[in-house]
Amino acid sequence: MAVSTPRALDRERIRELTEREEQRLNSRTEGSRAMYERADRVLSGGVASSYQLREPWPIYLERGRGPVVWDVDGNEMFDFHNGFGSMVQGHAHPAIGRAVKERYELGTHFAAPTEDAVVVAEELRDRWGLPRWRYTNSGSESTMDAIRIARGYTGRDTVLKIFGSYHGHHDVVMVSIGVEYDRIGDHARPASLPYGAGIPQSVVDEVYAVHFNDADAMERRIVELDKEGRKPACVIMEAAMMNLGVVLPEPGYLEAVRDITARHGVVLIFDEVKTGLTIAAGGATERFGVSPDLVTLAKALGGGLPAGAIGGNEEVMRVVDQGKVVQVGTYNGNPLTMAATRANLTEVLTPDAYAKLDALNDRILSGCTRVLERYNLPGYAVGVGSKGCVTFATEKIRDYEGFKYHQDAELADLAWLFNMNRGIFMTPGREEEWTLSVTHTEEAVDRYVEVFEEMAKDLTSG
């Protein structure tokens, strides 16, 4: 992967195109405008989650099938958003639909275990090589419980995370994300800052961050905190950062992290809410060949239903087996969710599915790279498995600090508008990546590249 030689872009041209594309999107989403006016009277901000916001109104969807979605205005789009990476199965997959229908007729909730929960755990054990599992209902619940398990196992409170990584919306992990460049602080000891109001300072004071792809800095921080009587209970991290587009680990980085945490007695948690089941059958753990003490899953796990899981080794998970850590939830292992998850794992996300995803992603990455080189645009294409993006930067991004300094935010915003106006549904944020599904085709990924080239032509014409 190489960053293309940058050309000097006309900033006024970018602003003109952005204004044109915004007007075009607004004019073709009048139904969403009307829906927003209705929703804003009962939903805060007119949406169910703040990450669904978009000015001047959100895009409301009506339905989806396979790789395609339709909004309330009837606009048909190839879905590269895929529910923030949850729908790697594609929409309304018949195998998952059949499993849900059959389970519904047998009862949907008991707050008691069913056979499907056992089968799913056996499948996850085989994929991740971790023997003990528990269920949750979301990625936030998974990371929350994993941190509690690590704290219960070690008897320590401090949490060490990667600066800029998102791990859900509970207090402990809503620290040191979404920070402007001038507030990041010293590279060796970046700031611990709350992400919005309502997070107690006492919680913030228990959380420290280091930058991705810097194992030496991680070890130094662990040693420093230990000397201060604040040795971390755990390091929670994504093996590949997935909320800055895509930032891959440098060679040897994950192996070094595994060695450091093991030597210092710090529990290593891989947050695979975004990488799990999307970049390999066994997620980042399989793809990069480094095994954590605990792993957290959600998003793509439930085949479109809300599902999460925590996997761990025998030693760490013993605190759950013994009841030392109370891991509970009324809907944990819900029968309807487990039926969908079982079908997802055994019938949809098969070895053939991952071969297809790899091939499609290679195709879209190669196509985007050709466009970058042909038009000499500042940026590079990067991805793994079903995930990928074009990062608009003149330097390769290795961590959050580099992302905030180098990314061309105006160009990223323009790319989103171009996509939305030409039948490519993408996440409403410049920091997100595409997610392919097993129902995507060469036609779909080629269309993505065509739209990217149309933007490149408009940017460089005249």
Protein backbone atom coordinates (compact mmCIF):
# COMPACT_ATOMS: atom_id res chain seq x y z
CA MET A 1 0.00 0.00 0.00
CA ALA A 2 1.42 3.37 -0.99
CA VAL A 3 0.11 6.88 -0.54
CA SER A 4 -0.33 8.45 -3.95
CA THR A 5 1.79 11.46 -4.89
CA PRO A 6 -0.47 14.36 -3.96
CA ARG A 7 -1.61 17.01 -6.35
CA ALA A 8 -2.62 20.49 -5.26
CA LEU A 9 -6.41 20.42 -5.11
CA ASP A 10 -8.48 23.52 -5.71
CA ARG A 11 -10.21 24.08 -2.36
CA GLU A 12 -12.76 26.37 -3.94
CA ARG A 13 -13.61 23.63 -6.43
CA ILE A 14 -14.16 21.20 -3.53
CA ARG A 15 -16.52 23.70 -1.86
CA GLU A 16 -18.42 24.29 -5.11
CA LEU A 17 -18.88 20.56 -5.68
CA THR A 18 -19.89 20.03 -2.06
CA GLU A 19 -22.57 22.72 -2.29
CA ARG A 20 -23.84 21.26 -5.58
CA GLU A 21 -24.00 17.74 -4.20
CA GLU A 22 -25.67 18.82 -0.95
CA GLN A 23 -28.41 20.58 -2.91
CA ARG A 24 -28.85 17.53 -5.10
CA LEU A 25 -29.13 15.16 -2.13
CA ASN A 26 -31.60 17.41 -0.37
CA SER A 27 -33.78 17.70 -3.46
CA ARG A 28 -34.01 13.92 -3.88
CA THR A 29 -34.77 13.18 -0.23
CA GLU A 30 -37.88 15.26 0.39
CA GLY A 31 -39.55 12.20 1.88
CA SER A 32 -36.78 11.99 4.46
CA ARG A 33 -37.27 15.68 5.19
CA ALA A 34 -40.96 15.09 5.87
CA MET A 35 -40.16 12.04 8.01
CA TYR A 36 -37.64 14.09 9.98
CA GLU A 37 -40.19 16.80 10.70
CA ARG A 38 -42.48 14.11 12.10
CA ALA A 39 -39.73 12.23 13.96
CA ASP A 40 -38.23 15.33 15.54
CA ARG A 41 -41.44 15.80 17.54
CA VAL A 42 -40.95 12.49 19.36
CA LEU A 43 -37.34 11.31 18.86
CA SER A 44 -34.49 13.46 20.20
CA GLY A 45 -32.82 14.82 17.09
CA GLY A 46 -35.28 12.80 15.01
CA VAL A 47 -33.17 9.65 15.29
CA ALA A 48 -32.78 6.57 17.48
CA SER A 49 -29.00 7.07 17.91
CA SER A 50 -26.82 10.16 17.60
CA TYR A 51 -24.66 8.38 15.03
CA GLN A 52 -27.67 8.44 12.67
CA LEU A 53 -27.72 12.24 12.56
CA ARG A 54 -27.08 14.15 9.36
CA GLU A 55 -27.66 17.83 8.50
CA PRO A 56 -30.16 19.11 7.49
CA TRP A 57 -32.03 15.81 7.99
CA PRO A 58 -31.19 12.10 8.27
CA ILE A 59 -31.83 9.65 5.44
CA TYR A 60 -34.65 7.34 6.50
CA LEU A 61 -34.65 3.84 5.03
CA GLU A 62 -37.68 1.73 4.21
CA ARG A 63 -36.36 -1.71 3.26
CA GLY A 64 -33.41 -3.76 2.09
CA ARG A 65 -32.77 -6.99 0.23
CA GLY A 66 -29.41 -8.54 -0.48
CA PRO A 67 -26.91 -5.75 -1.25
CA VAL A 68 -29.57 -3.10 -1.95
CA VAL A 69 -31.56 -0.67 0.23
CA TRP A 70 -34.37 1.75 -0.56
CA ASP A 71 -35.01 5.00 1.31
CA VAL A 72 -38.45 6.48 1.97
CA ASP A 73 -38.18 8.48 -1.27
CA GLY A 74 -37.77 5.26 -3.26
CA ASN A 75 -34.09 5.87 -4.04
CA GLU A 76 -32.42 2.51 -4.68
CA MET A 77 -28.82 2.18 -3.51
CA PHE A 78 -26.13 -0.45 -3.18
CA ASP A 79 -25.54 -0.72 0.55
CA PHE A 80 -21.90 -0.26 1.55
CA HIS A 81 -22.94 1.03 4.98
CA ASN A 82 -24.50 -2.29 6.01
CA GLY A 83 -25.65 -1.14 9.41
CA PHE A 84 -22.23 0.09 10.56
CA GLY A 85 -20.79 -3.22 9.45
CA SER A 86 -23.45 -5.49 10.94
CA MET A 87 -24.99 -6.84 7.73
CA VAL A 88 -22.15 -8.78 6.15
CA GLN A 89 -24.84 -11.40 5.41
CA GLY A 90 -26.79 -8.97 3.23
CA HIS A 91 -30.36 -7.92 3.95
CA ALA A 92 -33.18 -10.41 4.45
CA HIS A 93 -30.99 -13.45 3.91
CA PRO A 94 -33.34 -16.42 3.38
CA ALA A 95 -31.40 -18.79 5.67
CA ILE A 96 -31.61 -16.37 8.57
CA GLY A 97 -35.24 -15.53 7.81
CA ARG A 98 -36.14 -19.21 7.83
CA ALA A 99 -34.39 -19.74 11.18
CA VAL A 100 -36.19 -16.77 12.74
CA LYS A 101 -39.58 -17.93 11.44
CA GLU A 102 -39.11 -21.45 12.76
CA ARG A 103 -37.93 -20.20 16.15
CA TYR A 104 -40.75 -17.68 16.44
CA GLU A 105 -43.33 -20.43 16.25
CA LEU A 106 -41.58 -22.22 19.12
CA GLY A 107 -41.40 -19.17 21.39
CA THR A 108 -39.07 -16.19 21.35
CA HIS A 109 -38.01 -15.60 24.93
CA PHE A 110 -37.66 -17.68 28.09
CA ALA A 111 -34.70 -16.18 29.98
CA ALA A 112 -33.43 -19.75 30.01
CA PRO A 113 -30.77 -21.44 27.84
CA THR A 114 -31.60 -23.26 24.62
CA GLU A 115 -29.66 -25.66 22.42
CA ASP A 116 -28.94 -22.96 19.85
CA ALA A 117 -26.96 -21.05 22.50
CA VAL A 118 -24.78 -24.12 23.00
CA VAL A 119 -24.25 -24.65 19.26
CA VAL A 120 -23.29 -20.99 18.77
CA ALA A 121 -20.76 -21.17 21.61
CA GLU A 122 -19.24 -24.33 20.12
CA GLU A 123 -18.91 -22.59 16.76
CA LEU A 124 -17.33 -19.49 18.29
CA ARG A 125 -14.92 -21.62 20.31
CA ASP A 126 -13.76 -23.34 17.15
CA ARG A 127 -13.38 -20.08 15.23
CA TRP A 128 -11.54 -18.09 17.92
CA GLY A 129 -9.77 -20.86 19.80
CA LEU A 130 -11.13 -19.51 23.10
CA PRO A 131 -12.94 -22.12 25.21
CA ARG A 132 -15.41 -20.12 27.35
CA TRP A 133 -18.24 -17.87 26.14
CA ARG A 134 -21.08 -15.68 27.43
CA TYR A 135 -23.69 -13.62 25.58
CA THR A 136 -24.82 -9.99 25.62
CA ASN A 137 -27.09 -7.92 23.40
CA SER A 138 -24.70 -5.35 21.93
CA GLY A 139 -21.10 -4.39 21.46
CA SER A 140 -21.30 -1.87 24.30
CA GLU A 141 -22.51 -4.58 26.67
CA SER A 142 -19.76 -6.91 25.47
CA THR A 143 -16.94 -4.46 26.13
CA MET A 144 -18.51 -3.34 29.41
CA ASP A 145 -18.69 -6.92 30.70
CA ALA A 146 -15.24 -7.83 29.38
CA ILE A 147 -13.67 -4.94 31.30
CA ARG A 148 -15.56 -5.98 34.42
CA ILE A 149 -14.30 -9.55 34.02
CA ALA A 150 -10.73 -8.29 33.62
CA ARG A 151 -11.08 -6.12 36.71
CA GLY A 152 -12.56 -8.99 38.68
CA TYR A 153 -9.78 -11.33 37.60
CA THR A 154 -6.91 -8.93 38.39
CA GLY A 155 -8.41 -7.06 41.33
CA ARG A 156 -7.34 -3.80 39.67
CA ASP A 157 -9.40 -0.85 38.39
CA THR A 158 -7.31 1.03 35.81
CA VAL A 159 -8.07 0.56 32.11
CA LEU A 160 -5.62 1.20 29.28
CA LYS A 161 -7.02 1.77 25.81
CA ILE A 162 -5.91 2.94 22.39
CA PHE A 163 -6.34 6.67 21.87
CA GLY A 164 -9.18 7.40 19.46
CA SER A 165 -10.68 3.90 19.48
CA TYR A 166 -14.42 3.55 20.02
CA HIS A 167 -15.54 0.63 22.19
CA GLY A 168 -19.19 1.44 22.83
CA HIS A 169 -21.13 3.99 24.82
CA HIS A 170 -20.66 3.00 28.49
CA ASP A 171 -18.74 5.42 30.69
CA VAL A 172 -15.38 3.66 30.95
CA VAL A 173 -14.75 3.55 27.21
CA MET A 174 -16.20 6.97 26.39
CA VAL A 175 -12.77 8.43 27.06
CA SER A 176 -10.12 9.73 24.63
CA ILE A 177 -12.20 9.47 21.46
CA GLY A 178 -13.46 12.19 19.13
CA VAL A 179 -10.73 14.55 20.32
CA GLU A 180 -9.58 17.48 18.21
CA TYR A 181 -5.92 17.44 17.21
CA ASP A 182 -4.86 20.30 19.46
CA ARG A 183 -6.31 18.55 22.54
CA ILE A 184 -4.65 15.14 22.08
CA GLY A 185 -1.72 16.09 24.27
CA ASP A 186 1.77 14.64 24.51
CA HIS A 187 2.33 11.65 22.24
CA ALA A 188 3.83 9.54 25.04
CA ARG A 189 1.05 10.44 27.51
CA PRO A 190 -2.03 11.53 25.58
CA ALA A 191 -4.88 13.18 27.44
CA SER A 192 -7.77 11.35 29.09
CA LEU A 193 -10.88 13.32 28.10
CA PRO A 194 -14.59 12.47 28.36
CA TYR A 195 -16.55 12.07 25.13
CA GLY A 196 -19.46 14.38 25.88
CA ALA A 197 -21.23 15.27 29.10
CA GLY A 198 -22.51 12.90 31.75
CA ILE A 199 -19.30 10.92 32.25
CA PRO A 200 -17.99 11.26 35.82
CA GLN A 201 -14.47 12.60 36.19
CA SER A 202 -13.81 9.78 38.65
CA VAL A 203 -14.33 7.34 35.75
CA VAL A 204 -12.14 9.36 33.38
CA ASP A 205 -9.38 9.30 35.99
CA GLU A 206 -9.30 5.48 35.81
CA VAL A 207 -8.73 5.39 32.04
CA TYR A 208 -5.45 6.01 30.22
CA ALA A 209 -4.65 5.84 26.52
CA VAL A 210 -1.69 5.16 24.28
CA HIS A 211 -1.42 5.41 20.52
CA PHE A 212 -1.95 2.52 18.13
CA ASN A 213 1.07 0.89 16.47
CA ASP A 214 3.41 1.96 19.28
CA ALA A 215 4.11 -1.05 21.49
CA ASP A 216 7.06 0.62 23.23
CA ALA A 217 4.84 3.46 24.39
CA MET A 218 2.33 0.93 25.72
CA GLU A 219 4.95 -0.84 27.80
CA ARG A 220 6.36 2.40 29.14
CA ARG A 221 2.88 3.52 30.20
CA ILE A 222 2.14 0.22 31.92
CA VAL A 223 5.41 0.46 33.86
CA GLU A 224 4.73 4.08 34.83
CA LEU A 225 1.22 3.33 35.99
CA ASP A 226 2.43 0.31 37.96
CA LYS A 227 4.95 2.51 39.80
CA GLU A 228 2.11 4.91 40.64
CA GLY A 229 0.03 2.07 42.07
CA ARG A 230 -2.32 2.15 39.07
CA LYS A 231 -1.30 -0.95 37.16
CA PRO A 232 -3.93 -1.58 34.45
CA ALA A 233 -6.37 -4.43 34.79
CA CYS A 234 -6.55 -4.66 31.02
CA VAL A 235 -5.66 -3.27 27.65
CA ILE A 236 -8.74 -3.01 25.45
CA MET A 237 -8.07 -2.46 21.76
CA GLU A 238 -9.08 -3.26 18.23
CA ALA A 239 -6.48 -5.40 16.47
CA ALA A 240 -7.10 -3.16 13.45
CA MET A 241 -8.60 0.27 14.07
CA MET A 242 -11.99 0.48 12.39
CA ASN A 243 -13.28 3.95 13.23
CA LEU A 244 -10.62 5.93 11.35
CA GLY A 245 -11.53 4.30 8.10
CA VAL A 246 -9.19 1.31 8.43
CA VAL A 247 -5.80 1.43 10.16
CA LEU A 248 -3.98 -1.89 10.02
CA PRO A 249 -1.42 -3.06 12.58
CA GLU A 250 2.19 -2.69 11.55
CA PRO A 251 4.15 -5.97 11.25
CA GLY A 252 5.05 -7.29 14.71
CA TYR A 253 2.89 -4.79 16.61
CA LEU A 254 0.19 -7.18 17.83
CA GLU A 255 2.76 -9.82 18.72
CA ALA A 256 4.61 -7.22 20.81
CA VAL A 257 1.39 -6.18 22.54
CA ARG A 258 0.61 -9.81 23.35
CA ASP A 259 4.08 -10.26 24.84
CA ILE A 260 3.94 -7.03 26.85
CA THR A 261 0.55 -7.69 28.41
CA ALA A 262 1.44 -11.29 29.25
CA ARG A 263 4.72 -10.30 30.93
CA HIS A 264 3.05 -7.59 33.00
CA GLY A 265 -0.01 -9.62 33.97
CA VAL A 266 -2.44 -7.32 32.14
CA VAL A 267 -5.50 -8.86 30.51
CA LEU A 268 -5.54 -8.32 26.74
CA ILE A 269 -9.00 -7.67 25.29
CA PHE A 270 -9.47 -7.61 21.54
CA ASP A 271 -12.61 -5.65 20.75
CA GLU A 272 -13.82 -7.47 17.64
CA VAL A 273 -17.24 -5.88 17.48
CA LYS A 274 -16.32 -4.54 14.02
CA THR A 275 -13.67 -7.05 12.88
CA GLY A 276 -15.37 -10.18 14.21
CA LEU A 277 -16.89 -12.26 11.39
CA THR A 278 -16.20 -9.49 8.86
CA ILE A 279 -12.50 -9.88 8.09
CA ALA A 280 -12.23 -13.66 8.62
CA ALA A 281 -14.26 -16.52 10.05
CA GLY A 282 -12.40 -16.00 13.33
CA GLY A 283 -12.07 -12.26 12.96
CA ALA A 284 -8.86 -10.37 13.60
CA THR A 285 -7.70 -13.11 15.96
CA GLU A 286 -7.56 -15.51 13.03
CA ARG A 287 -6.47 -12.97 10.43
CA PHE A 288 -3.46 -11.70 12.37
CA GLY A 289 -2.66 -14.85 14.31
CA VAL A 290 -2.52 -13.29 17.79
CA SER A 291 -4.79 -14.61 20.54
CA PRO A 292 -6.09 -12.32 23.30
CA ASP A 293 -7.27 -13.29 26.78
CA LEU A 294 -10.76 -11.98 26.05
CA VAL A 295 -12.57 -11.10 22.83
CA THR A 296 -15.78 -9.11 22.36
CA LEU A 297 -18.23 -9.62 19.50
CA ALA A 298 -21.49 -8.05 18.29
CA LYS A 299 -22.64 -6.32 15.06
CA ALA A 300 -22.28 -9.04 12.38
CA LEU A 301 -22.85 -11.84 14.90
CA GLY A 302 -26.66 -11.87 15.00
CA GLY A 303 -27.41 -11.70 11.29
CA GLY A 304 -29.35 -8.46 11.77
CA LEU A 305 -30.65 -9.15 15.26
CA PRO A 306 -29.03 -7.52 18.31
CA ALA A 307 -26.48 -10.00 19.64
CA GLY A 308 -23.17 -9.84 21.44
CA ALA A 309 -20.70 -12.27 22.94
CA ILE A 310 -17.60 -12.45 25.12
CA GLY A 311 -15.04 -15.21 24.66
CA GLY A 312 -12.14 -15.94 26.92
CA ASN A 313 -9.53 -18.37 28.10
CA GLU A 314 -10.18 -20.76 30.97
CA GLU A 315 -8.16 -18.82 33.53
CA VAL A 316 -9.72 -15.39 33.07
CA MET A 317 -13.26 -16.67 32.57
CA ARG A 318 -13.03 -18.69 35.77
CA VAL A 319 -14.19 -15.59 37.68
CA VAL A 320 -17.47 -15.87 35.77
CA ASP A 321 -17.74 -19.65 36.25
CA GLN A 322 -17.22 -19.21 40.00
CA GLY A 323 -19.68 -16.32 40.27
CA LYS A 324 -17.02 -13.86 41.40
CA VAL A 325 -18.01 -11.62 38.50
CA VAL A 326 -21.75 -11.49 37.91
CA GLN A 327 -22.39 -11.43 34.16
CA VAL A 328 -26.14 -11.19 33.57
CA GLY A 329 -28.81 -9.92 31.20
CA THR A 330 -32.44 -10.88 30.73
CA TYR A 331 -32.08 -11.11 26.96
CA ASN A 332 -28.62 -12.71 26.94
CA GLY A 333 -28.82 -15.76 24.69
CA ASN A 334 -32.35 -14.88 23.59
CA PRO A 335 -33.74 -17.85 21.60
CA LEU A 336 -34.71 -15.78 18.55
CA THR A 337 -31.28 -14.16 18.42
CA MET A 338 -29.49 -17.47 18.94
CA ALA A 339 -31.46 -19.10 16.12
CA ALA A 340 -30.48 -16.28 13.77
CA THR A 341 -26.87 -16.42 14.95
CA ARG A 342 -26.67 -20.19 14.47
CA ALA A 343 -27.94 -19.91 10.89
CA ASN A 344 -25.59 -16.99 10.27
CA LEU A 345 -22.54 -18.95 11.42
CA THR A 346 -23.34 -22.35 9.97
CA GLU A 347 -25.18 -21.50 6.73
CA VAL A 348 -24.13 -18.01 5.65
CA LEU A 349 -20.63 -17.07 6.82
CA THR A 350 -18.95 -20.18 5.45
CA PRO A 351 -15.42 -20.59 4.03
CA ASP A 352 -16.80 -19.91 0.54
CA ALA A 353 -18.32 -16.66 1.80
CA TYR A 354 -14.96 -15.40 3.05
CA ALA A 355 -13.25 -16.33 -0.20
CA LYS A 356 -15.86 -14.27 -2.03
CA LEU A 357 -15.50 -11.30 0.34
CA ASP A 358 -11.71 -11.31 -0.05
CA ALA A 359 -12.01 -11.37 -3.84
CA LEU A 360 -14.57 -8.57 -3.94
CA ASN A 361 -12.55 -6.42 -1.57
CA ASP A 362 -9.40 -6.95 -3.62
CA ARG A 363 -11.38 -5.80 -6.66
CA ILE A 364 -12.72 -2.61 -5.09
CA LEU A 365 -9.37 -1.74 -3.48
CA SER A 366 -7.55 -2.24 -6.76
CA GLY A 367 -10.12 -0.15 -8.61
CA CYS A 368 -9.91 2.73 -6.14
CA THR A 369 -6.11 2.60 -6.22
CA ARG A 370 -6.16 2.90 -10.02
CA VAL A 371 -8.36 6.00 -9.75
CA LEU A 372 -6.08 7.57 -7.15
CA GLU A 373 -3.04 6.98 -9.34
CA ARG A 374 -4.73 8.03 -12.59
CA TYR A 375 -5.85 11.39 -11.18
CA ASN A 376 -2.93 11.84 -8.79
CA LEU A 377 -5.22 12.35 -5.83
CA PRO A 378 -3.94 12.52 -2.25
CA GLY A 379 -4.90 9.26 -0.62
CA TYR A 380 -4.71 5.49 -0.60
CA ALA A 381 -7.04 2.51 -0.51
CA VAL A 382 -6.76 0.10 2.41
CA GLY A 383 -8.83 -2.80 3.65
CA VAL A 384 -9.08 -6.36 4.87
CA GLY A 385 -11.82 -8.99 4.48
CA SER A 386 -15.12 -7.22 3.88
CA LYS A 387 -13.81 -3.88 5.18
CA GLY A 388 -12.07 -1.07 3.36
CA CYS A 389 -11.92 2.61 2.58
CA VAL A 390 -10.14 5.33 0.69
CA THR A 391 -8.19 7.41 3.21
CA PHE A 392 -7.74 10.95 1.92
CA ALA A 393 -4.33 11.77 3.38
CA THR A 394 -0.87 12.59 2.10
CA GLU A 395 0.75 10.29 4.66
CA LYS A 396 -0.05 6.75 5.71
CA ILE A 397 -2.19 6.79 8.84
CA ARG A 398 -0.81 4.73 11.74
CA ASP A 399 -2.83 6.11 14.67
CA TYR A 400 -5.46 8.65 15.71
CA GLU A 401 -2.98 11.49 15.99
CA GLY A 402 -1.87 11.02 12.39
CA PHE A 403 -5.46 10.67 11.23
CA LYS A 404 -6.54 13.98 12.75
CA TYR A 405 -3.48 15.75 11.38
CA HIS A 406 -3.38 14.37 7.84
CA GLN A 407 -6.94 13.48 6.79
CA ASP A 408 -8.59 15.78 4.25
CA ALA A 409 -12.00 16.11 5.92
CA GLU A 410 -13.50 18.26 3.14
CA LEU A 411 -12.65 15.65 0.53
CA ALA A 412 -14.09 12.88 2.70
CA ASP A 413 -17.36 14.79 3.07
CA LEU A 414 -17.55 15.34 -0.68
CA ALA A 415 -16.98 11.64 -1.36
CA TRP A 416 -19.93 10.76 0.89
CA LEU A 417 -22.21 13.12 -1.00
CA PHE A 418 -21.07 11.81 -4.39
CA ASN A 419 -21.80 8.26 -3.26
CA MET A 420 -25.24 9.03 -1.86
CA ASN A 421 -26.31 10.87 -5.00
CA ARG A 422 -25.23 8.03 -7.29
CA GLY A 423 -26.72 4.96 -5.67
CA ILE A 424 -24.03 4.14 -3.08
CA PHE A 425 -25.31 4.15 0.50
CA MET A 426 -22.53 4.92 2.97
CA THR A 427 -22.22 5.68 6.66
CA PRO A 428 -22.89 9.33 7.55
CA GLY A 429 -19.41 10.10 8.80
CA ARG A 430 -15.99 10.77 7.34
CA GLU A 431 -14.33 8.30 9.73
CA GLU A 432 -16.18 5.16 8.59
CA GLU A 433 -15.33 2.42 6.12
CA TRP A 434 -17.33 0.32 3.69
CA THR A 435 -18.53 -3.15 4.59
CA LEU A 436 -19.24 -5.62 1.80
CA SER A 437 -21.78 -8.40 2.19
CA VAL A 438 -21.85 -11.93 0.81
CA THR A 439 -24.64 -10.75 -1.50
CA HIS A 440 -22.54 -8.03 -3.12
CA THR A 441 -21.48 -8.61 -6.71
CA GLU A 442 -18.77 -7.40 -9.03
CA GLU A 443 -21.37 -5.06 -10.49
CA ALA A 444 -21.84 -3.42 -7.08
CA VAL A 445 -18.16 -2.90 -6.33
CA ASP A 446 -17.48 -1.71 -9.88
CA ARG A 447 -20.24 0.85 -9.44
CA TYR A 448 -18.49 2.14 -6.32
CA VAL A 449 -15.28 2.60 -8.30
CA GLU A 450 -17.16 4.31 -11.15
CA VAL A 451 -18.63 6.85 -8.75
CA PHE A 452 -15.21 7.46 -7.23
CA GLU A 453 -13.78 8.10 -10.68
CA GLU A 454 -16.61 10.49 -11.52
CA MET A 455 -15.68 12.52 -8.43
CA ALA A 456 -12.01 12.44 -9.40
CA LYS A 457 -12.86 13.79 -12.87
CA ASP A 458 -14.98 16.59 -11.45
CA LEU A 459 -12.27 17.52 -8.97
CA THR A 460 -9.53 17.74 -11.58
CA SER A 461 -11.43 19.21 -14.54
CA GLY A 462 -11.03 22.75 -15.70
